Amino acid sequence: MDFGCSDASVWKEALSAYPSRIHTLSLNNKPNLVSLDDFYCNHLPSLFRQRNPNPFLTTRELSTLMQWKLTRGKWRPRLLDFVSSLDDAVVKSASQKAFQSLPDISKAVSELTVLKGVGPATASAVLAAFAPHLTPFMSDEAMVAALGNSKDYSLKQYLKFADKLQMKSKELSSEGDSFTPSDVERALWSFAVGQSSAPQANQEPKTNPSRSSKRKRKN
């Protein structure tokens, strides 16, 4: 599936396979992924809605979100140690300021990256749980598909990434289907994981977004 594909049915198929990809990974070597993904996709957004009009994130929730991010992607224990030791009041304040900053994504990310261990990619995961219609998670797989690489985890790169996924979600929604930028990210991730777990399948090297480069910096 190429990022330029405009066939909504292809994207819907990739998105619908997301739960099974999560389940398959959990059976392999990531046993906690199903529960972590349920927390991230369902429980955390529900908590945010319950906390209106001033939603916030706690240190414990940020720690669990980080576990989800590292389990779905690449495990980097130091990042988890950093966020788990953050003061709860500091996390609450930073997250409230970030959520109130939206739809200014740049400002929202900057409010979160003051927290130790939180770079633009982790900040994007927080924002995507709060506002999936606006802010996609900056996953390696989606970065490769949308921008051609996953080496740059800067704010500037995230803004470029978010813009592309916002445009793609509008394009895919134009025929009546509803796609958020977060739906686009999950579809790209799902497709990439499906391709990498079945290397003998009919892959299309030019459009396969499954390969991701080594990270050069904290995110």
N, C-alpha and C. Protein backbone atom coordinates (compact mmCIF):
# COMPACT_ATOMS: atom_id res chain seq x y z
N MET A 1 0.84 -1.20 0.00
CA MET A 1 0.00 0.00 0.00
C MET A 1 0.87 1.25 0.00
N ASP A 2 0.76 2.01 -1.05
CA ASP A 2 1.53 3.24 -1.17
C ASP A 2 0.80 4.37 -0.46
N PHE A 3 1.55 5.29 0.15
CA PHE A 3 0.93 6.42 0.85
C PHE A 3 0.06 7.23 -0.10
N GLY A 4 0.43 7.25 -1.37
CA GLY A 4 -0.34 8.01 -2.35
C GLY A 4 -1.63 7.34 -2.77
N CYS A 5 -1.87 6.12 -2.32
CA CYS A 5 -3.10 5.40 -2.68
C CYS A 5 -4.32 6.20 -2.21
N SER A 6 -5.28 6.38 -3.11
CA SER A 6 -6.49 7.14 -2.77
C SER A 6 -7.73 6.26 -2.66
N ASP A 7 -7.54 4.95 -2.72
CA ASP A 7 -8.65 4.01 -2.61
C ASP A 7 -8.98 3.78 -1.13
N ALA A 8 -10.07 4.36 -0.68
CA ALA A 8 -10.43 4.28 0.73
C ALA A 8 -10.61 2.84 1.20
N SER A 9 -11.07 1.96 0.32
CA SER A 9 -11.30 0.57 0.71
C SER A 9 -9.99 -0.13 1.09
N VAL A 10 -8.91 0.25 0.43
CA VAL A 10 -7.60 -0.33 0.73
C VAL A 10 -7.16 0.10 2.13
N TRP A 11 -7.38 1.37 2.43
CA TRP A 11 -7.02 1.90 3.75
C TRP A 11 -7.90 1.30 4.84
N LYS A 12 -9.19 1.12 4.53
CA LYS A 12 -10.11 0.54 5.50
C LYS A 12 -9.70 -0.89 5.83
N GLU A 13 -9.26 -1.61 4.81
CA GLU A 13 -8.83 -3.00 5.03
C GLU A 13 -7.62 -3.05 5.94
N ALA A 14 -6.65 -2.15 5.71
CA ALA A 14 -5.45 -2.10 6.54
C ALA A 14 -5.81 -1.69 7.97
N LEU A 15 -6.70 -0.72 8.10
CA LEU A 15 -7.11 -0.27 9.42
C LEU A 15 -7.87 -1.35 10.18
N SER A 16 -8.73 -2.08 9.48
CA SER A 16 -9.52 -3.12 10.14
C SER A 16 -8.65 -4.28 10.63
N ALA A 17 -7.45 -4.40 10.04
CA ALA A 17 -6.53 -5.47 10.44
C ALA A 17 -5.71 -5.08 11.67
N TYR A 18 -5.83 -3.83 12.11
CA TYR A 18 -5.02 -3.35 13.23
C TYR A 18 -5.15 -4.23 14.49
N PRO A 19 -6.36 -4.55 14.95
CA PRO A 19 -6.47 -5.38 16.16
C PRO A 19 -5.79 -6.75 16.02
N SER A 20 -5.91 -7.35 14.84
CA SER A 20 -5.29 -8.67 14.65
C SER A 20 -3.77 -8.56 14.63
N ARG A 21 -3.25 -7.44 14.11
CA ARG A 21 -1.78 -7.24 14.13
C ARG A 21 -1.30 -7.12 15.58
N ILE A 22 -2.05 -6.37 16.38
CA ILE A 22 -1.70 -6.22 17.79
C ILE A 22 -1.73 -7.58 18.48
N HIS A 23 -2.75 -8.36 18.20
CA HIS A 23 -2.90 -9.68 18.81
C HIS A 23 -1.76 -10.62 18.39
N THR A 24 -1.39 -10.57 17.11
CA THR A 24 -0.32 -11.42 16.61
C THR A 24 1.01 -11.09 17.30
N LEU A 25 1.30 -9.80 17.43
CA LEU A 25 2.53 -9.39 18.10
C LEU A 25 2.53 -9.83 19.56
N SER A 26 1.37 -9.76 20.19
CA SER A 26 1.28 -10.15 21.61
C SER A 26 1.54 -11.65 21.77
N LEU A 27 1.18 -12.44 20.78
CA LEU A 27 1.41 -13.88 20.84
C LEU A 27 2.87 -14.22 20.62
N ASN A 28 3.57 -13.36 19.91
CA ASN A 28 4.97 -13.62 19.62
C ASN A 28 5.86 -13.31 20.82
N ASN A 29 6.16 -12.03 21.02
CA ASN A 29 7.07 -11.71 22.13
C ASN A 29 6.67 -10.45 22.88
N LYS A 30 5.38 -10.04 22.74
CA LYS A 30 4.93 -8.83 23.42
C LYS A 30 3.59 -9.10 24.12
N PRO A 31 3.62 -9.94 25.17
CA PRO A 31 2.39 -10.41 25.79
C PRO A 31 1.49 -9.33 26.39
N ASN A 32 2.06 -8.18 26.72
CA ASN A 32 1.26 -7.11 27.33
C ASN A 32 0.64 -6.16 26.32
N LEU A 33 0.92 -6.36 25.05
CA LEU A 33 0.53 -5.37 24.05
C LEU A 33 -0.98 -5.22 23.92
N VAL A 34 -1.73 -6.29 23.99
CA VAL A 34 -3.19 -6.18 23.84
C VAL A 34 -3.79 -5.29 24.92
N SER A 35 -3.40 -5.52 26.18
CA SER A 35 -3.94 -4.71 27.27
C SER A 35 -3.43 -3.27 27.20
N LEU A 36 -2.18 -3.10 26.81
CA LEU A 36 -1.63 -1.74 26.68
C LEU A 36 -2.33 -0.98 25.56
N ASP A 37 -2.61 -1.66 24.46
CA ASP A 37 -3.27 -1.00 23.34
C ASP A 37 -4.71 -0.65 23.70
N ASP A 38 -5.36 -1.51 24.47
CA ASP A 38 -6.72 -1.21 24.92
C ASP A 38 -6.71 0.02 25.83
N PHE A 39 -5.72 0.11 26.70
CA PHE A 39 -5.59 1.28 27.55
C PHE A 39 -5.42 2.54 26.71
N TYR A 40 -4.51 2.46 25.73
CA TYR A 40 -4.20 3.64 24.92
C TYR A 40 -5.35 4.05 24.01
N CYS A 41 -5.97 3.10 23.35
CA CYS A 41 -7.00 3.40 22.35
C CYS A 41 -8.38 3.66 22.96
N ASN A 42 -8.65 3.07 24.11
CA ASN A 42 -10.00 3.14 24.67
C ASN A 42 -10.08 3.79 26.05
N HIS A 43 -9.30 3.27 26.99
CA HIS A 43 -9.41 3.74 28.37
C HIS A 43 -8.91 5.17 28.54
N LEU A 44 -7.74 5.49 28.00
CA LEU A 44 -7.17 6.82 28.17
C LEU A 44 -8.04 7.92 27.56
N PRO A 45 -8.52 7.77 26.32
CA PRO A 45 -9.41 8.79 25.77
C PRO A 45 -10.67 8.98 26.61
N SER A 46 -11.17 7.89 27.19
CA SER A 46 -12.35 7.97 28.06
C SER A 46 -12.04 8.79 29.31
N LEU A 47 -10.86 8.60 29.87
CA LEU A 47 -10.45 9.37 31.05
C LEU A 47 -10.38 10.86 30.73
N PHE A 48 -9.85 11.17 29.56
CA PHE A 48 -9.76 12.58 29.15
C PHE A 48 -11.15 13.20 29.07
N ARG A 49 -12.09 12.47 28.49
CA ARG A 49 -13.46 12.99 28.36
C ARG A 49 -14.10 13.20 29.74
N GLN A 50 -13.81 12.32 30.66
CA GLN A 50 -14.37 12.44 32.01
C GLN A 50 -13.82 13.66 32.75
N ARG A 51 -12.64 14.12 32.34
CA ARG A 51 -11.98 15.23 33.04
C ARG A 51 -12.26 16.60 32.42
N ASN A 52 -13.15 16.64 31.45
CA ASN A 52 -13.52 17.93 30.88
C ASN A 52 -14.10 18.81 31.99
N PRO A 53 -13.91 20.13 31.96
CA PRO A 53 -13.37 20.91 30.84
C PRO A 53 -11.85 21.12 30.87
N ASN A 54 -11.17 20.55 31.88
CA ASN A 54 -9.72 20.73 31.96
C ASN A 54 -9.01 19.38 32.04
N PRO A 55 -9.02 18.62 30.95
CA PRO A 55 -8.41 17.28 30.96
C PRO A 55 -6.91 17.33 31.21
N PHE A 56 -6.40 16.26 31.78
CA PHE A 56 -4.97 16.19 32.10
C PHE A 56 -4.53 14.73 32.07
N LEU A 57 -3.21 14.55 32.18
CA LEU A 57 -2.58 13.23 32.20
C LEU A 57 -1.83 13.10 33.51
N THR A 58 -1.83 11.91 34.11
CA THR A 58 -1.06 11.68 35.33
C THR A 58 0.26 10.99 34.98
N THR A 59 1.16 10.97 35.93
CA THR A 59 2.45 10.30 35.72
C THR A 59 2.25 8.82 35.45
N ARG A 60 1.34 8.21 36.21
CA ARG A 60 1.09 6.78 36.01
C ARG A 60 0.56 6.50 34.61
N GLU A 61 -0.34 7.36 34.14
CA GLU A 61 -0.90 7.20 32.79
C GLU A 61 0.15 7.44 31.72
N LEU A 62 1.02 8.42 31.95
CA LEU A 62 2.10 8.69 30.99
C LEU A 62 3.05 7.50 30.94
N SER A 63 3.30 6.89 32.09
CA SER A 63 4.17 5.71 32.15
C SER A 63 3.57 4.55 31.36
N THR A 64 2.25 4.34 31.54
CA THR A 64 1.59 3.26 30.80
C THR A 64 1.57 3.55 29.31
N LEU A 65 1.33 4.82 28.95
CA LEU A 65 1.38 5.22 27.54
C LEU A 65 2.77 4.95 26.96
N MET A 66 3.81 5.26 27.74
CA MET A 66 5.17 5.01 27.27
C MET A 66 5.41 3.52 27.08
N GLN A 67 4.88 2.69 27.98
CA GLN A 67 4.99 1.24 27.81
C GLN A 67 4.33 0.80 26.51
N TRP A 68 3.15 1.38 26.22
CA TRP A 68 2.46 1.07 24.96
C TRP A 68 3.33 1.45 23.77
N LYS A 69 3.85 2.66 23.79
CA LYS A 69 4.66 3.17 22.68
C LYS A 69 5.90 2.29 22.44
N LEU A 70 6.58 1.94 23.52
CA LEU A 70 7.81 1.15 23.39
C LEU A 70 7.53 -0.31 23.05
N THR A 71 6.39 -0.82 23.51
CA THR A 71 6.04 -2.21 23.21
C THR A 71 5.56 -2.34 21.77
N ARG A 72 4.80 -1.37 21.29
CA ARG A 72 4.34 -1.41 19.90
C ARG A 72 5.48 -1.12 18.94
N GLY A 73 6.51 -0.42 19.44
CA GLY A 73 7.66 -0.06 18.61
C GLY A 73 8.94 -0.71 19.11
N LYS A 74 9.91 0.12 19.50
CA LYS A 74 11.21 -0.39 19.96
C LYS A 74 11.37 -0.10 21.45
N TRP A 75 11.82 -1.12 22.19
CA TRP A 75 11.92 -0.99 23.64
C TRP A 75 13.15 -0.19 24.03
N ARG A 76 12.92 0.89 24.77
CA ARG A 76 14.01 1.74 25.26
C ARG A 76 13.72 2.05 26.72
N PRO A 77 14.20 1.19 27.63
CA PRO A 77 13.84 1.28 29.05
C PRO A 77 14.17 2.61 29.73
N ARG A 78 15.21 3.30 29.28
CA ARG A 78 15.57 4.56 29.95
C ARG A 78 14.45 5.58 29.83
N LEU A 79 13.76 5.61 28.69
CA LEU A 79 12.67 6.55 28.52
C LEU A 79 11.56 6.26 29.54
N LEU A 80 11.29 4.99 29.76
CA LEU A 80 10.26 4.60 30.72
C LEU A 80 10.68 5.00 32.12
N ASP A 81 11.96 4.83 32.45
CA ASP A 81 12.47 5.23 33.77
C ASP A 81 12.31 6.73 33.97
N PHE A 82 12.62 7.51 32.95
CA PHE A 82 12.52 8.96 33.05
C PHE A 82 11.09 9.41 33.36
N VAL A 83 10.14 8.96 32.55
CA VAL A 83 8.77 9.44 32.72
C VAL A 83 8.13 8.90 33.99
N SER A 84 8.52 7.71 34.41
CA SER A 84 7.93 7.12 35.62
C SER A 84 8.33 7.86 36.88
N SER A 85 9.45 8.59 36.81
CA SER A 85 9.93 9.31 37.98
C SER A 85 9.50 10.78 38.00
N LEU A 86 8.71 11.20 37.02
CA LEU A 86 8.26 12.59 36.96
C LEU A 86 7.25 12.89 38.06
N ASP A 87 7.29 14.12 38.57
CA ASP A 87 6.34 14.56 39.58
C ASP A 87 4.93 14.65 38.97
N ASP A 88 3.95 14.13 39.68
CA ASP A 88 2.60 14.06 39.15
C ASP A 88 2.03 15.46 38.84
N ALA A 89 2.31 16.41 39.69
CA ALA A 89 1.79 17.78 39.49
C ALA A 89 2.39 18.41 38.24
N VAL A 90 3.64 18.10 37.97
CA VAL A 90 4.32 18.64 36.79
C VAL A 90 3.73 18.05 35.51
N VAL A 91 3.47 16.74 35.53
CA VAL A 91 2.87 16.07 34.36
C VAL A 91 1.45 16.60 34.13
N LYS A 92 0.70 16.75 35.20
CA LYS A 92 -0.67 17.26 35.09
C LYS A 92 -0.68 18.66 34.49
N SER A 93 0.19 19.52 34.98
CA SER A 93 0.25 20.89 34.50
C SER A 93 0.67 20.96 33.03
N ALA A 94 1.71 20.21 32.67
CA ALA A 94 2.22 20.24 31.30
C ALA A 94 1.17 19.71 30.32
N SER A 95 0.47 18.65 30.72
CA SER A 95 -0.54 18.06 29.82
C SER A 95 -1.74 18.99 29.68
N GLN A 96 -2.15 19.63 30.75
CA GLN A 96 -3.26 20.58 30.66
C GLN A 96 -2.93 21.72 29.71
N LYS A 97 -1.73 22.26 29.85
CA LYS A 97 -1.29 23.36 28.97
C LYS A 97 -1.23 22.89 27.51
N ALA A 98 -0.78 21.66 27.31
CA ALA A 98 -0.68 21.12 25.95
C ALA A 98 -2.05 20.98 25.32
N PHE A 99 -2.99 20.40 26.05
CA PHE A 99 -4.33 20.19 25.52
C PHE A 99 -5.03 21.53 25.23
N GLN A 100 -4.80 22.50 26.11
CA GLN A 100 -5.40 23.82 25.92
C GLN A 100 -4.79 24.57 24.74
N SER A 101 -3.58 24.16 24.34
CA SER A 101 -2.89 24.82 23.23
C SER A 101 -3.44 24.43 21.86
N LEU A 102 -4.07 23.26 21.79
CA LEU A 102 -4.62 22.80 20.52
C LEU A 102 -5.72 23.73 20.05
N PRO A 103 -5.84 23.97 18.73
CA PRO A 103 -5.23 23.22 17.63
C PRO A 103 -3.81 23.63 17.21
N ASP A 104 -3.11 24.43 18.04
CA ASP A 104 -1.73 24.79 17.73
C ASP A 104 -0.84 23.61 18.11
N ILE A 105 -0.59 22.73 17.16
CA ILE A 105 0.15 21.50 17.44
C ILE A 105 1.58 21.79 17.90
N SER A 106 2.22 22.76 17.29
CA SER A 106 3.59 23.10 17.66
C SER A 106 3.68 23.49 19.13
N LYS A 107 2.78 24.33 19.57
CA LYS A 107 2.77 24.77 20.97
C LYS A 107 2.43 23.61 21.89
N ALA A 108 1.49 22.77 21.49
CA ALA A 108 1.09 21.63 22.31
C ALA A 108 2.25 20.66 22.53
N VAL A 109 2.97 20.37 21.46
CA VAL A 109 4.13 19.47 21.57
C VAL A 109 5.19 20.11 22.48
N SER A 110 5.43 21.40 22.30
CA SER A 110 6.45 22.10 23.10
C SER A 110 6.11 22.09 24.59
N GLU A 111 4.83 22.16 24.92
CA GLU A 111 4.42 22.12 26.33
C GLU A 111 4.72 20.77 26.96
N LEU A 112 4.65 19.70 26.17
CA LEU A 112 4.89 18.35 26.69
C LEU A 112 6.37 17.98 26.72
N THR A 113 7.15 18.51 25.80
CA THR A 113 8.56 18.10 25.72
C THR A 113 9.43 18.76 26.79
N VAL A 114 8.83 19.55 27.67
CA VAL A 114 9.58 20.04 28.82
C VAL A 114 9.77 18.91 29.82
N LEU A 115 8.98 17.86 29.70
CA LEU A 115 9.07 16.71 30.61
C LEU A 115 10.24 15.81 30.22
N LYS A 116 11.03 15.40 31.20
CA LYS A 116 12.19 14.57 30.93
C LYS A 116 11.77 13.22 30.36
N GLY A 117 12.36 12.84 29.24
CA GLY A 117 12.04 11.58 28.59
C GLY A 117 10.97 11.71 27.53
N VAL A 118 10.36 12.90 27.43
CA VAL A 118 9.29 13.11 26.45
C VAL A 118 9.81 13.95 25.29
N GLY A 119 9.94 13.32 24.13
CA GLY A 119 10.32 14.02 22.92
C GLY A 119 9.09 14.20 22.05
N PRO A 120 9.24 14.74 20.85
CA PRO A 120 8.09 14.95 19.97
C PRO A 120 7.28 13.69 19.68
N ALA A 121 7.92 12.53 19.57
CA ALA A 121 7.19 11.30 19.27
C ALA A 121 6.29 10.89 20.44
N THR A 122 6.82 10.94 21.66
CA THR A 122 6.00 10.61 22.82
C THR A 122 4.90 11.65 23.01
N ALA A 123 5.26 12.92 22.79
CA ALA A 123 4.26 13.99 22.88
C ALA A 123 3.14 13.74 21.88
N SER A 124 3.50 13.28 20.69
CA SER A 124 2.48 13.01 19.66
C SER A 124 1.55 11.89 20.10
N ALA A 125 2.07 10.91 20.84
CA ALA A 125 1.23 9.81 21.33
C ALA A 125 0.22 10.34 22.35
N VAL A 126 0.66 11.24 23.20
CA VAL A 126 -0.24 11.85 24.18
C VAL A 126 -1.33 12.63 23.47
N LEU A 127 -0.92 13.46 22.51
CA LEU A 127 -1.88 14.31 21.79
C LEU A 127 -2.83 13.48 20.92
N ALA A 128 -2.33 12.40 20.35
CA ALA A 128 -3.19 11.56 19.50
C ALA A 128 -4.27 10.87 20.32
N ALA A 129 -3.96 10.52 21.57
CA ALA A 129 -4.96 9.92 22.45
C ALA A 129 -6.03 10.94 22.82
N PHE A 130 -5.62 12.21 22.91
CA PHE A 130 -6.56 13.27 23.28
C PHE A 130 -7.34 13.81 22.08
N ALA A 131 -6.65 13.98 20.96
CA ALA A 131 -7.28 14.58 19.77
C ALA A 131 -6.89 13.81 18.51
N PRO A 132 -7.41 12.59 18.34
CA PRO A 132 -7.05 11.76 17.18
C PRO A 132 -7.48 12.38 15.85
N HIS A 133 -8.44 13.28 15.90
CA HIS A 133 -8.92 13.94 14.67
C HIS A 133 -7.92 14.99 14.18
N LEU A 134 -6.92 15.27 15.01
CA LEU A 134 -5.99 16.35 14.69
C LEU A 134 -4.52 15.90 14.69
N THR A 135 -4.15 15.08 15.66
CA THR A 135 -2.74 14.76 15.89
C THR A 135 -2.46 13.26 15.82
N PRO A 136 -1.81 12.79 14.79
CA PRO A 136 -1.45 11.36 14.69
C PRO A 136 -0.19 11.04 15.50
N PHE A 137 -0.08 9.80 15.92
CA PHE A 137 1.13 9.34 16.59
C PHE A 137 2.27 9.21 15.58
N MET A 138 3.44 9.64 15.99
CA MET A 138 4.62 9.67 15.13
C MET A 138 5.34 8.31 15.16
N SER A 139 4.73 7.29 14.59
CA SER A 139 5.35 5.96 14.59
C SER A 139 6.37 5.84 13.46
N ASP A 140 7.33 4.96 13.65
CA ASP A 140 8.35 4.74 12.62
C ASP A 140 7.73 4.33 11.29
N GLU A 141 6.79 3.38 11.37
CA GLU A 141 6.20 2.83 10.16
C GLU A 141 5.46 3.89 9.34
N ALA A 142 4.70 4.74 10.04
CA ALA A 142 3.97 5.79 9.34
C ALA A 142 4.91 6.88 8.83
N MET A 143 5.98 7.13 9.58
CA MET A 143 6.98 8.13 9.15
C MET A 143 7.64 7.69 7.85
N VAL A 144 8.01 6.43 7.79
CA VAL A 144 8.65 5.90 6.58
C VAL A 144 7.71 6.02 5.39
N ALA A 145 6.45 5.66 5.61
CA ALA A 145 5.47 5.69 4.53
C ALA A 145 5.18 7.11 4.05
N ALA A 146 5.03 8.04 4.99
CA ALA A 146 4.63 9.40 4.64
C ALA A 146 5.78 10.30 4.22
N LEU A 147 6.95 10.10 4.86
CA LEU A 147 8.06 11.02 4.62
C LEU A 147 9.31 10.34 4.06
N GLY A 148 9.31 9.02 4.00
CA GLY A 148 10.44 8.32 3.41
C GLY A 148 11.50 7.86 4.38
N ASN A 149 11.44 8.32 5.65
CA ASN A 149 12.41 7.87 6.64
C ASN A 149 11.87 8.10 8.04
N SER A 150 12.54 7.51 9.04
CA SER A 150 12.15 7.69 10.43
C SER A 150 13.36 8.07 11.26
N LYS A 151 14.26 8.85 10.68
CA LYS A 151 15.50 9.22 11.36
C LYS A 151 15.39 10.53 12.13
N ASP A 152 14.46 11.37 11.73
CA ASP A 152 14.35 12.70 12.30
C ASP A 152 13.11 12.80 13.20
N TYR A 153 13.35 12.97 14.49
CA TYR A 153 12.24 13.06 15.44
C TYR A 153 12.07 14.47 15.99
N SER A 154 12.40 15.44 15.17
CA SER A 154 12.28 16.84 15.58
C SER A 154 10.83 17.32 15.51
N LEU A 155 10.57 18.44 16.16
CA LEU A 155 9.23 19.05 16.10
C LEU A 155 8.90 19.44 14.66
N LYS A 156 9.88 19.98 13.96
CA LYS A 156 9.67 20.39 12.57
C LYS A 156 9.22 19.21 11.72
N GLN A 157 9.86 18.07 11.91
CA GLN A 157 9.50 16.87 11.14
C GLN A 157 8.11 16.37 11.52
N TYR A 158 7.79 16.47 12.81
CA TYR A 158 6.46 16.02 13.23
C TYR A 158 5.37 16.89 12.61
N LEU A 159 5.59 18.18 12.56
CA LEU A 159 4.59 19.08 11.97
C LEU A 159 4.37 18.75 10.49
N LYS A 160 5.45 18.41 9.81
CA LYS A 160 5.35 18.01 8.41
C LYS A 160 4.58 16.70 8.28
N PHE A 161 4.88 15.77 9.17
CA PHE A 161 4.23 14.47 9.21
C PHE A 161 2.72 14.63 9.50
N ALA A 162 2.40 15.41 10.52
CA ALA A 162 1.00 15.62 10.90
C ALA A 162 0.22 16.26 9.76
N ASP A 163 0.84 17.20 9.07
CA ASP A 163 0.17 17.87 7.96
C ASP A 163 -0.16 16.88 6.84
N LYS A 164 0.79 16.00 6.54
CA LYS A 164 0.55 15.02 5.47
C LYS A 164 -0.57 14.04 5.84
N LEU A 165 -0.59 13.61 7.10
CA LEU A 165 -1.63 12.68 7.51
C LEU A 165 -2.99 13.36 7.63
N GLN A 166 -3.00 14.63 7.98
CA GLN A 166 -4.26 15.39 8.00
C GLN A 166 -4.82 15.49 6.58
N MET A 167 -3.96 15.79 5.62
CA MET A 167 -4.41 15.89 4.23
C MET A 167 -4.90 14.55 3.71
N LYS A 168 -4.20 13.48 4.07
CA LYS A 168 -4.61 12.15 3.64
C LYS A 168 -5.95 11.77 4.26
N SER A 169 -6.16 12.12 5.51
CA SER A 169 -7.43 11.78 6.16
C SER A 169 -8.59 12.53 5.51
N LYS A 170 -8.37 13.77 5.11
CA LYS A 170 -9.41 14.54 4.42
C LYS A 170 -9.71 13.93 3.06
N GLU A 171 -8.65 13.52 2.37
CA GLU A 171 -8.81 12.90 1.05
C GLU A 171 -9.62 11.61 1.16
N LEU A 172 -9.28 10.78 2.13
CA LEU A 172 -9.97 9.50 2.28
C LEU A 172 -11.40 9.66 2.80
N SER A 173 -11.67 10.76 3.49
CA SER A 173 -13.01 11.02 4.03
C SER A 173 -13.93 11.69 3.02
N SER A 174 -13.38 12.11 1.90
CA SER A 174 -14.15 12.89 0.93
C SER A 174 -15.27 12.10 0.26
N GLU A 175 -15.17 10.77 0.28
CA GLU A 175 -16.18 9.94 -0.37
C GLU A 175 -17.25 9.44 0.60
N GLY A 176 -17.24 9.97 1.81
CA GLY A 176 -18.26 9.58 2.77
C GLY A 176 -17.74 8.78 3.95
N ASP A 177 -16.57 8.13 3.78
CA ASP A 177 -15.97 7.40 4.90
C ASP A 177 -15.34 8.41 5.85
N SER A 178 -15.19 8.01 7.08
CA SER A 178 -14.59 8.90 8.08
C SER A 178 -13.22 8.37 8.49
N PHE A 179 -12.18 9.12 8.16
CA PHE A 179 -10.81 8.77 8.52
C PHE A 179 -10.20 9.93 9.29
N THR A 180 -9.66 9.66 10.47
CA THR A 180 -8.91 10.67 11.19
C THR A 180 -7.43 10.50 10.86
N PRO A 181 -6.59 11.49 11.17
CA PRO A 181 -5.15 11.31 10.98
C PRO A 181 -4.63 10.10 11.77
N SER A 182 -5.22 9.85 12.93
CA SER A 182 -4.80 8.68 13.72
C SER A 182 -5.20 7.37 13.04
N ASP A 183 -6.35 7.39 12.35
CA ASP A 183 -6.74 6.21 11.57
C ASP A 183 -5.72 5.93 10.47
N VAL A 184 -5.26 6.99 9.83
CA VAL A 184 -4.27 6.86 8.76
C VAL A 184 -2.99 6.24 9.32
N GLU A 185 -2.55 6.73 10.49
CA GLU A 185 -1.33 6.20 11.10
C GLU A 185 -1.49 4.73 11.43
N ARG A 186 -2.63 4.35 12.00
CA ARG A 186 -2.83 2.95 12.37
C ARG A 186 -2.90 2.05 11.14
N ALA A 187 -3.48 2.56 10.08
CA ALA A 187 -3.55 1.77 8.84
C ALA A 187 -2.14 1.54 8.29
N LEU A 188 -1.31 2.57 8.31
CA LEU A 188 0.06 2.45 7.81
C LEU A 188 0.87 1.49 8.68
N TRP A 189 0.70 1.60 9.99
CA TRP A 189 1.39 0.70 10.92
C TRP A 189 0.94 -0.74 10.70
N SER A 190 -0.36 -0.92 10.60
CA SER A 190 -0.94 -2.25 10.41
C SER A 190 -0.43 -2.89 9.13
N PHE A 191 -0.41 -2.12 8.05
CA PHE A 191 0.07 -2.64 6.78
C PHE A 191 1.54 -3.03 6.88
N ALA A 192 2.34 -2.16 7.48
CA ALA A 192 3.78 -2.42 7.60
C ALA A 192 4.06 -3.66 8.43
N VAL A 193 3.34 -3.81 9.55
CA VAL A 193 3.55 -4.98 10.41
C VAL A 193 3.11 -6.25 9.68
N GLY A 194 2.02 -6.15 8.93
CA GLY A 194 1.56 -7.30 8.16
C GLY A 194 2.57 -7.72 7.11
N GLN A 195 3.18 -6.75 6.45
CA GLN A 195 4.19 -7.06 5.44
C GLN A 195 5.45 -7.66 6.06
N SER A 196 5.89 -7.10 7.19
CA SER A 196 7.13 -7.59 7.80
C SER A 196 6.95 -8.97 8.43
N SER A 197 5.72 -9.31 8.82
CA SER A 197 5.48 -10.62 9.43
C SER A 197 5.23 -11.70 8.39
N ALA A 198 5.09 -11.28 7.13
CA ALA A 198 4.88 -12.25 6.05
C ALA A 198 5.79 -11.90 4.88
N PRO A 199 7.11 -12.05 5.06
CA PRO A 199 8.07 -11.65 4.03
C PRO A 199 7.93 -12.40 2.71
N GLN A 200 7.29 -13.55 2.74
CA GLN A 200 7.14 -14.30 1.50
C GLN A 200 5.91 -13.85 0.69
N ALA A 201 5.10 -13.00 1.32
CA ALA A 201 3.89 -12.54 0.63
C ALA A 201 4.27 -11.62 -0.52
N ASN A 202 3.28 -11.29 -1.33
CA ASN A 202 3.56 -10.43 -2.47
C ASN A 202 3.84 -9.01 -2.04
N GLN A 203 5.09 -8.75 -1.75
CA GLN A 203 5.49 -7.42 -1.33
C GLN A 203 5.77 -6.55 -2.54
N GLU A 204 5.62 -5.28 -2.31
CA GLU A 204 5.96 -4.29 -3.32
C GLU A 204 7.04 -3.40 -2.73
N PRO A 205 8.31 -3.70 -3.01
CA PRO A 205 9.42 -3.00 -2.37
C PRO A 205 9.32 -1.49 -2.43
N LYS A 206 8.79 -0.98 -3.53
CA LYS A 206 8.75 0.47 -3.67
C LYS A 206 7.70 1.13 -2.77
N THR A 207 6.72 0.34 -2.35
CA THR A 207 5.64 0.93 -1.56
C THR A 207 5.53 0.33 -0.17
N ASN A 208 6.42 -0.59 0.17
CA ASN A 208 6.35 -1.23 1.48
C ASN A 208 6.92 -0.32 2.55
N PRO A 209 6.09 0.18 3.48
CA PRO A 209 6.58 1.10 4.49
C PRO A 209 7.02 0.43 5.78
N SER A 210 7.35 -0.88 5.71
CA SER A 210 7.59 -1.61 6.95
C SER A 210 8.98 -1.40 7.53
N ARG A 211 9.94 -0.98 6.71
CA ARG A 211 11.29 -0.85 7.23
C ARG A 211 11.46 0.48 7.95
N SER A 212 12.10 0.43 9.08
CA SER A 212 12.33 1.67 9.81
C SER A 212 13.79 1.75 10.20
N SER A 213 14.32 2.96 10.21
CA SER A 213 15.72 3.16 10.48
C SER A 213 15.97 3.28 11.97
N LYS A 214 17.20 3.11 12.36
CA LYS A 214 17.56 3.23 13.76
C LYS A 214 17.39 4.68 14.21
N ARG A 215 16.94 4.84 15.43
CA ARG A 215 16.72 6.19 15.94
C ARG A 215 18.03 6.82 16.36
N LYS A 216 18.14 8.09 16.13
CA LYS A 216 19.38 8.77 16.49
C LYS A 216 19.25 9.57 17.79
N ARG A 217 18.00 9.80 18.23
CA ARG A 217 17.83 10.64 19.38
C ARG A 217 16.60 10.21 20.15
N LYS A 218 16.50 10.75 21.36
CA LYS A 218 15.32 10.43 22.18
C LYS A 218 14.07 10.96 21.51
N ASN A 219 12.99 10.25 21.70
CA ASN A 219 11.73 10.75 21.19
C ASN A 219 10.62 10.43 22.17
